[in-house]
C-alpha atoms as a PDB file:
ATOM      1  CA  MET A   1     -18.422 159.938  90.207  1.00  0.00           C
ATOM      2  CA  TRP A   2     -19.135 157.860  93.189  1.00  0.00           C
ATOM      3  CA  TYR A   3     -21.262 155.217  91.249  1.00  0.00           C
ATOM      4  CA  LEU A   4     -18.169 154.705  88.949  1.00  0.00           C
ATOM      5  CA  LEU A   5     -15.986 153.999  92.137  1.00  0.00           C
ATOM      6  CA  GLY A   6     -18.675 151.613  93.240  1.00  0.00           C
ATOM      7  CA  GLY A   7     -18.432 149.716  89.969  1.00  0.00           C
ATOM      8  CA  LEU A   8     -14.702 149.375  90.414  1.00  0.00           C
ATOM      9  CA  VAL A   9     -15.412 147.661  93.829  1.00  0.00           C
ATOM     10  CA  LEU A  10     -17.556 145.156  92.212  1.00  0.00           C
ATOM     11  CA  LEU A  11     -14.967 144.581  89.524  1.00  0.00           C
ATOM     12  CA  ALA A  12     -12.328 144.029  92.067  1.00  0.00           C
ATOM     13  CA  LEU A  13     -14.483 141.307  93.909  1.00  0.00           C
ATOM     14  CA  ALA A  14     -14.802 139.578  90.315  1.00  0.00           C
ATOM     15  CA  CYS A  15     -11.040 139.886  89.836  1.00  0.00           C
ATOM     16  CA  LEU A  16     -10.516 138.336  93.224  1.00  0.00           C
ATOM     17  CA  PHE A  17     -11.916 134.966  92.142  1.00  0.00           C
ATOM     18  CA  ALA A  18     -10.238 135.061  88.683  1.00  0.00           C
ATOM     19  CA  ALA A  19      -6.662 135.928  89.699  1.00  0.00           C
ATOM     20  CA  PRO A  20      -4.490 132.886  90.174  1.00  0.00           C
ATOM     21  CA  VAL A  21      -2.342 134.553  93.002  1.00  0.00           C
ATOM     22  CA  VAL A  22      -2.882 131.784  95.521  1.00  0.00           C
ATOM     23  CA  PRO A  23      -5.126 128.888  96.173  1.00  0.00           C
ATOM     24  CA  THR A  24      -8.761 129.991  96.462  1.00  0.00           C
ATOM     25  CA  ALA A  25      -8.988 128.719 100.226  1.00  0.00           C
ATOM     26  CA  ALA A  26      -6.128 131.091 101.058  1.00  0.00           C
ATOM     27  CA  ARG A  27      -7.623 134.293  99.724  1.00  0.00           C
ATOM     28  CA  ALA A  28      -9.035 136.842 102.066  1.00  0.00           C
ATOM     29  CA  LEU A  29     -11.576 139.553 100.937  1.00  0.00           C
ATOM     30  CA  ALA A  30      -9.936 142.356  99.170  1.00  0.00           C
ATOM     31  CA  VAL A  31     -10.988 145.875  98.341  1.00  0.00           C
ATOM     32  CA  ARG A  32     -10.350 148.033  95.236  1.00  0.00           C
ATOM     33  CA  ALA A  33      -8.543 151.026  95.888  1.00  0.00           C
ATOM     34  CA  VAL A  34      -9.785 154.515  95.872  1.00  0.00           C
ATOM     35  CA  THR A  35      -7.244 156.443  93.694  1.00  0.00           C
ATOM     36  CA  GLY A  36      -5.686 159.548  95.113  1.00  0.00           C
ATOM     37  CA  ASN A  37      -5.185 162.799  93.526  1.00  0.00           C
ATOM     38  CA  GLY A  38      -1.772 161.998  92.107  1.00  0.00           C
ATOM     39  CA  GLY A  39      -2.862 158.888  90.063  1.00  0.00           C
ATOM     40  CA  ALA A  40      -6.269 159.979  88.464  1.00  0.00           C
ATOM     41  CA  VAL A  41      -8.058 162.792  86.924  1.00  0.00           C
ATOM     42  CA  PHE A  42     -11.716 162.942  87.696  1.00  0.00           C
ATOM     43  CA  THR A  43     -13.867 165.075  85.356  1.00  0.00           C
ATOM     44  CA  ASN A  44     -17.255 165.414  83.480  1.00  0.00           C
ATOM     45  CA  GLY A  45     -18.277 166.174  79.995  1.00  0.00           C
ATOM     46  CA  ASP A  46     -20.511 165.399  76.977  1.00  0.00           C
ATOM     47  CA  THR A  47     -20.229 162.510  74.419  1.00  0.00           C
ATOM     48  CA  HIS A  48     -21.738 162.722  70.978  1.00  0.00           C
ATOM     49  CA  SER A  49     -21.517 159.018  69.436  1.00  0.00           C
ATOM     50  CA  ASN A  50     -18.021 160.109  67.838  1.00  0.00           C
ATOM     51  CA  THR A  51     -14.701 161.127  69.006  1.00  0.00           C
ATOM     52  CA  THR A  52     -15.557 164.472  70.424  1.00  0.00           C
ATOM     53  CA  PHE A  53     -15.644 164.891  74.311  1.00  0.00           C
ATOM     54  CA  ASP A  54     -16.620 168.614  75.277  1.00  0.00           C
ATOM     55  CA  SER A  55     -18.277 170.747  77.870  1.00  0.00           C
ATOM     56  CA  ILE A  56     -15.453 169.422  80.168  1.00  0.00           C
ATOM     57  CA  SER A  57     -15.469 170.493  83.708  1.00  0.00           C
ATOM     58  CA  PRO A  58     -12.982 170.632  85.442  1.00  0.00           C
ATOM     59  CA  ALA A  59     -10.854 171.451  82.350  1.00  0.00           C
ATOM     60  CA  LEU A  60      -8.223 168.868  81.152  1.00  0.00           C
ATOM     61  CA  SER A  61      -4.597 169.945  80.077  1.00  0.00           C
ATOM     62  CA  ALA A  62      -2.197 168.928  77.508  1.00  0.00           C
ATOM     63  CA  SER A  63      -0.584 166.584  80.007  1.00  0.00           C
ATOM     64  CA  ASP A  64      -3.657 164.516  79.670  1.00  0.00           C
ATOM     65  CA  VAL A  65      -3.133 163.540  76.036  1.00  0.00           C
ATOM     66  CA  GLY A  66      -2.459 159.624  75.878  1.00  0.00           C
ATOM     67  CA  LYS A  67      -4.198 158.890  79.064  1.00  0.00           C
ATOM     68  CA  PHE A  68      -6.876 156.231  79.121  1.00  0.00           C
ATOM     69  CA  ILE A  69     -10.485 157.627  79.747  1.00  0.00           C
ATOM     70  CA  PHE A  70     -13.153 155.406  81.388  1.00  0.00           C
ATOM     71  CA  GLY A  71     -16.826 156.340  81.639  1.00  0.00           C
ATOM     72  CA  PRO A  72     -20.332 155.491  80.492  1.00  0.00           C
ATOM     73  CA  GLY A  73     -20.377 155.203  76.661  1.00  0.00           C
ATOM     74  CA  ILE A  74     -16.630 155.177  76.314  1.00  0.00           C
ATOM     75  CA  VAL A  75     -15.081 152.121  74.729  1.00  0.00           C
ATOM     76  CA  ASN A  76     -12.725 150.207  77.024  1.00  0.00           C
ATOM     77  CA  GLY A  77      -9.133 151.217  76.157  1.00  0.00           C
ATOM     78  CA  THR A  78      -9.965 154.580  74.726  1.00  0.00           C
ATOM     79  CA  LYS A  79      -7.325 157.334  75.064  1.00  0.00           C
ATOM     80  CA  ILE A  80      -7.290 161.159  74.928  1.00  0.00           C
ATOM     81  CA  ALA A  81      -5.927 161.975  71.497  1.00  0.00           C
ATOM     82  CA  THR A  82      -5.893 165.754  71.775  1.00  0.00           C
ATOM     83  CA  VAL A  83      -6.916 168.561  74.216  1.00  0.00           C
ATOM     84  CA  ALA A  84      -8.059 171.832  72.883  1.00  0.00           C
ATOM     85  CA  VAL A  85      -6.542 174.936  74.322  1.00  0.00           C
ATOM     86  CA  GLY A  86      -8.269 175.851  77.574  1.00  0.00           C
ATOM     87  CA  GLY A  87      -9.100 172.134  78.142  1.00  0.00           C
ATOM     88  CA  LEU A  88     -12.842 172.394  77.685  1.00  0.00           C
ATOM     89  CA  SER A  89     -12.892 170.011  74.796  1.00  0.00           C
ATOM     90  CA  ALA A  90     -10.820 166.938  73.632  1.00  0.00           C
ATOM     91  CA  THR A  91     -10.694 164.368  71.083  1.00  0.00           C
ATOM     92  CA  LEU A  92     -10.812 160.573  71.920  1.00  0.00           C
ATOM     93  CA  ASP A  93      -8.865 158.025  69.711  1.00  0.00           C
ATOM     94  CA  THR A  94     -12.068 155.816  69.549  1.00  0.00           C
ATOM     95  CA  ALA A  95     -15.660 156.909  69.081  1.00  0.00           C
ATOM     96  CA  ALA A  96     -17.908 157.026  71.958  1.00  0.00           C
ATOM     97  CA  THR A  97     -20.915 154.489  71.698  1.00  0.00           C
ATOM     98  CA  ALA A  98     -23.507 157.154  73.099  1.00  0.00           C
ATOM     99  CA  THR A  99     -24.571 160.725  73.123  1.00  0.00           C
ATOM    100  CA  ALA A 100     -24.930 162.049  76.633  1.00  0.00           C
ATOM    101  CA  ALA A 101     -24.465 165.197  78.596  1.00  0.00           C
ATOM    102  CA  GLY A 102     -22.792 165.402  82.159  1.00  0.00           C
ATOM    103  CA  VAL A 103     -20.807 161.928  81.758  1.00  0.00           C
ATOM    104  CA  ASP A 104     -18.449 161.493  84.679  1.00  0.00           C
ATOM    105  CA  VAL A 105     -15.182 160.006  83.606  1.00  0.00           C
ATOM    106  CA  VAL A 106     -11.889 159.126  85.116  1.00  0.00           C
ATOM    107  CA  LEU A 107      -8.438 159.384  83.369  1.00  0.00           C
ATOM    108  CA  TYR A 108      -5.412 157.116  84.295  1.00  0.00           C
ATOM    109  CA  ASP A 109      -1.828 157.080  83.173  1.00  0.00           C
ATOM    110  CA  ASN A 110      -1.221 154.816  80.145  1.00  0.00           C
ATOM    111  CA  ASP A 111       1.148 152.275  81.917  1.00  0.00           C
ATOM    112  CA  PHE A 112       2.166 151.037  85.319  1.00  0.00           C
ATOM    113  CA  THR A 113       5.075 153.231  85.767  1.00  0.00           C
ATOM    114  CA  GLY A 114       2.984 155.391  88.095  1.00  0.00           C
ATOM    115  CA  VAL A 115       3.160 152.868  90.829  1.00  0.00           C
ATOM    116  CA  ASN A 116       5.988 150.523  89.923  1.00  0.00           C
ATOM    117  CA  GLY A 117       9.056 151.082  92.214  1.00  0.00           C
ATOM    118  CA  ARG A 118       6.996 153.092  94.665  1.00  0.00           C
ATOM    119  CA  GLU A 119       6.504 152.236  98.321  1.00  0.00           C
ATOM    120  CA  LEU A 120       3.483 150.608  99.719  1.00  0.00           C
ATOM    121  CA  HIS A 121       2.772 151.998 103.149  1.00  0.00           C
ATOM    122  CA  LEU A 122       0.328 150.715 105.910  1.00  0.00           C
ATOM    123  CA  PHE A 123      -2.002 152.848 108.178  1.00  0.00           C
ATOM    124  CA  THR A 124      -3.878 152.432 111.381  1.00  0.00           C
ATOM    125  CA  GLY A 125      -7.179 154.010 112.573  1.00  0.00           C
ATOM    126  CA  SER A 126     -10.569 154.646 111.100  1.00  0.00           C
ATOM    127  CA  TYR A 127      -9.580 156.820 108.279  1.00  0.00           C
ATOM    128  CA  ASP A 128     -11.179 156.041 104.950  1.00  0.00           C
ATOM    129  CA  PRO A 129      -9.421 157.158 101.857  1.00  0.00           C
ATOM    130  CA  SER A 130     -11.275 159.187  99.071  1.00  0.00           C
ATOM    131  CA  PRO A 131     -10.181 160.677  95.674  1.00  0.00           C
ATOM    132  CA  VAL A 132      -9.118 163.758  97.416  1.00  0.00           C
ATOM    133  CA  THR A 133      -6.848 162.051 100.106  1.00  0.00           C
ATOM    134  CA  ILE A 134      -3.452 163.708 100.433  1.00  0.00           C
ATOM    135  CA  LEU A 135      -0.288 162.437 102.062  1.00  0.00           C
ATOM    136  CA  ALA A 136      -1.083 164.763 105.269  1.00  0.00           C
ATOM    137  CA  ASP A 137      -4.064 162.583 105.812  1.00  0.00           C
ATOM    138  CA  LEU A 138      -2.063 159.344 106.045  1.00  0.00           C
ATOM    139  CA  THR A 139       1.396 160.094 107.397  1.00  0.00           C
ATOM    140  CA  PRO A 140       0.093 160.885 110.917  1.00  0.00           C
ATOM    141  CA  ILE A 141      -1.573 157.448 111.034  1.00  0.00           C
ATOM    142  CA  GLU A 142       1.185 155.381 109.294  1.00  0.00           C
ATOM    143  CA  ALA A 143       2.030 152.117 111.153  1.00  0.00           C
ATOM    144  CA  ASN A 144       4.707 152.454 113.697  1.00  0.00           C
ATOM    145  CA  TYR A 145       5.207 148.944 115.230  1.00  0.00           C
ATOM    146  CA  THR A 146       8.722 147.859 115.869  1.00  0.00           C
ATOM    147  CA  GLY A 147      10.441 146.813 112.658  1.00  0.00           C
ATOM    148  CA  TYR A 148       7.893 148.549 110.404  1.00  0.00           C
ATOM    149  CA  ALA A 149       9.037 149.889 106.997  1.00  0.00           C
ATOM    150  CA  ALA A 150       7.216 150.681 103.842  1.00  0.00           C
ATOM    151  CA  GLN A 151       8.200 148.192 101.046  1.00  0.00           C
ATOM    152  CA  GLU A 152       9.050 148.946  97.391  1.00  0.00           C
ATOM    153  CA  LEU A 153       6.792 147.588  94.745  1.00  0.00           C
ATOM    154  CA  GLU A 154       8.226 145.307  92.059  1.00  0.00           C
ATOM    155  CA  LEU A 155       5.378 144.888  89.316  1.00  0.00           C
ATOM    156  CA  THR A 156       5.553 142.273  86.563  1.00  0.00           C
ATOM    157  CA  TYR A 157       2.733 141.039  84.421  1.00  0.00           C
ATOM    158  CA  GLY A 158       1.291 138.070  86.467  1.00  0.00           C
ATOM    159  CA  TYR A 159      -1.620 136.808  84.256  1.00  0.00           C
ATOM    160  CA  VAL A 160      -4.104 137.472  81.488  1.00  0.00           C
ATOM    161  CA  ASP A 161      -7.757 137.635  82.649  1.00  0.00           C
ATOM    162  CA  PRO A 162     -10.720 136.132  80.730  1.00  0.00           C
ATOM    163  CA  SER A 163     -11.245 139.280  78.578  1.00  0.00           C
ATOM    164  CA  GLY A 164      -7.616 139.144  77.478  1.00  0.00           C
ATOM    165  CA  SER A 165      -6.398 142.091  79.547  1.00  0.00           C
ATOM    166  CA  PRO A 166      -2.991 141.648  81.303  1.00  0.00           C
ATOM    167  CA  THR A 167      -2.772 142.261  85.013  1.00  0.00           C
ATOM    168  CA  ALA A 168       0.389 143.423  86.646  1.00  0.00           C
ATOM    169  CA  GLN A 169       1.273 141.874  90.046  1.00  0.00           C
ATOM    170  CA  GLY A 170       3.592 142.759  92.734  1.00  0.00           C
ATOM    171  CA  GLN A 171       5.714 140.530  94.828  1.00  0.00           C
ATOM    172  CA  LEU A 172       4.467 138.862  98.073  1.00  0.00           C
ATOM    173  CA  MET A 173       4.988 141.366 100.753  1.00  0.00           C
ATOM    174  CA  SER A 174       5.404 140.514 104.424  1.00  0.00           C
ATOM    175  CA  PHE A 175       4.992 142.924 107.384  1.00  0.00           C
ATOM    176  CA  LYS A 176       5.748 141.488 110.732  1.00  0.00           C
ATOM    177  CA  PRO A 177       6.682 143.217 114.128  1.00  0.00           C
ATOM    178  CA  THR A 178       9.973 142.169 115.679  1.00  0.00           C
ATOM    179  CA  ASP A 179       8.516 142.621 119.384  1.00  0.00           C
ATOM    180  CA  ALA A 180       5.288 143.605 121.336  1.00  0.00           C
ATOM    181  CA  LEU A 181       6.367 147.050 122.399  1.00  0.00           C
ATOM    182  CA  VAL A 182       4.093 149.162 119.901  1.00  0.00           C
ATOM    183  CA  PRO A 183       1.165 146.979 118.920  1.00  0.00           C
ATOM    184  CA  ASN A 184      -0.613 148.103 115.745  1.00  0.00           C
ATOM    185  CA  THR A 185      -3.955 147.226 114.204  1.00  0.00           C
ATOM    186  CA  ILE A 186      -3.475 147.882 110.355  1.00  0.00           C
ATOM    187  CA  THR A 187      -6.647 149.061 108.681  1.00  0.00           C
ATOM    188  CA  GLY A 188      -5.420 150.122 105.351  1.00  0.00           C
ATOM    189  CA  TRP A 189      -2.505 150.893 102.869  1.00  0.00           C
ATOM    190  CA  TRP A 190      -1.406 153.414 100.366  1.00  0.00           C
ATOM    191  CA  ILE A 191       1.132 154.146  97.760  1.00  0.00           C
ATOM    192  CA  ASP A 192       2.614 157.753  96.999  1.00  0.00           C
ATOM    193  CA  ASP A 193       5.229 159.279  94.797  1.00  0.00           C
ATOM    194  CA  GLY A 194       6.602 161.421  97.675  1.00  0.00           C
ATOM    195  CA  VAL A 195       4.142 164.360  96.927  1.00  0.00           C
ATOM    196  CA  ASN A 196       0.797 162.835  95.846  1.00  0.00           C
ATOM    197  CA  VAL A 197      -1.170 159.755  96.989  1.00  0.00           C
ATOM    198  CA  LEU A 198      -1.304 157.405  94.045  1.00  0.00           C
ATOM    199  CA  ARG A 199      -3.402 154.584  95.457  1.00  0.00           C
ATOM    200  CA  ALA A 200      -4.937 154.131  98.823  1.00  0.00           C
ATOM    201  CA  ALA A 201      -7.780 152.064 100.358  1.00  0.00           C
ATOM    202  CA  ARG A 202      -9.018 150.350 103.654  1.00  0.00           C
ATOM    203  CA  LEU A 203      -8.707 146.727 104.295  1.00  0.00           C
ATOM    204  CA  ALA A 204     -11.787 144.702 104.519  1.00  0.00           C
ATOM    205  CA  SER A 205     -10.950 144.158 108.135  1.00  0.00           C
ATOM    206  CA  GLY A 206      -8.216 145.194 110.472  1.00  0.00           C
ATOM    207  CA  VAL A 207      -5.185 142.994 111.075  1.00  0.00           C
ATOM    208  CA  GLY A 208      -3.586 143.001 114.536  1.00  0.00           C
ATOM    209  CA  LEU A 209       0.199 143.178 114.333  1.00  0.00           C
ATOM    210  CA  THR A 210       0.686 142.972 118.069  1.00  0.00           C
ATOM    211  CA  ASP A 211       3.813 140.950 118.650  1.00  0.00           C
ATOM    212  CA  ALA A 212       6.435 138.905 116.656  1.00  0.00           C
ATOM    213  CA  THR A 213       4.197 135.929 116.084  1.00  0.00           C
ATOM    214  CA  LYS A 214       1.764 138.128 113.914  1.00  0.00           C
ATOM    215  CA  GLU A 215       2.203 138.803 110.221  1.00  0.00           C
ATOM    216  CA  LEU A 216       0.352 140.618 107.464  1.00  0.00           C
ATOM    217  CA  ALA A 217       1.260 139.170 104.008  1.00  0.00           C
ATOM    218  CA  LEU A 218      -0.276 140.671 100.801  1.00  0.00           C
ATOM    219  CA  VAL A 219       0.082 141.116  97.081  1.00  0.00           C
ATOM    220  CA  TYR A 220      -0.601 144.202  94.954  1.00  0.00           C
ATOM    221  CA  GLN A 221      -2.406 143.818  91.654  1.00  0.00           C
ATOM    222  CA  GLU A 222      -3.247 146.337  89.061  1.00  0.00           C
ATOM    223  CA  GLY A 223      -5.197 145.742  85.758  1.00  0.00           C
ATOM    224  CA  TYR A 224      -4.229 147.171  82.255  1.00  0.00           C
ATOM    225  CA  PRO A 225      -5.386 149.617  81.245  1.00  0.00           C
ATOM    226  CA  PRO A 226      -4.512 150.675  84.705  1.00  0.00           C
ATOM    227  CA  GLY A 227      -7.372 150.696  87.195  1.00  0.00           C
ATOM    228  CA  PRO A 228      -7.046 151.859  90.894  1.00  0.00           C
ATOM    229  CA  GLY A 229      -5.321 148.720  92.038  1.00  0.00           C
ATOM    230  CA  MET A 230      -6.186 146.074  94.566  1.00  0.00           C
ATOM    231  CA  ILE A 231      -4.675 144.366  97.563  1.00  0.00           C
ATOM    232  CA  GLN A 232      -5.141 140.643  98.321  1.00  0.00           C
ATOM    233  CA  VAL A 233      -4.369 139.495 101.898  1.00  0.00           C
ATOM    234  CA  ILE A 234      -2.840 136.293 102.223  1.00  0.00           C
ATOM    235  CA  PRO A 235      -3.743 134.633 105.739  1.00  0.00           C
END
């Protein structure tokens, strides 16, 4: 599972230099989000160079039909077509390119509606999100400088990358204290649906919001089919 996430980090760095969000000189290092338990399904199974995906563990459910599935030997853009009773086998809408046992895969929702309109929060401290991160891990360390408030995402299709895949892009968000009474060092961010963590990640480096002269400006991006998302910090 973790090598898959590592690959997504590399992909995020590649996207960083391809995405025309701001002039290159203004971009700071961004990190690919680790997706929380509300936004993705991680599982394992066997591919057979056809549309069968079986020996699945943990089992899938009927609600996974229509989701995109990513993993070794699975063609980009493949969806789950059917899930058998019990969830131990499924049919893909595109044949896998390899036969392999114990393939780690991840499933994502088939559009951007999972995060569009949700609020993006900031957190402090040393916490490093993982696929099992829950809200109770993050709410105690949410930013609390004077004037802080989570901001609602407004995603639109921002551009098409060199492979022809469209990317959704949120508005420029600005986080700025109104005084120096409660200084914060911002170390990460998350998006939730009120119950589950949908996206979460640490920033490449902490940003000190210590008084009214300091500001954290950022843009959220997410590729289609949906990946875990990415934040670009604008100095």
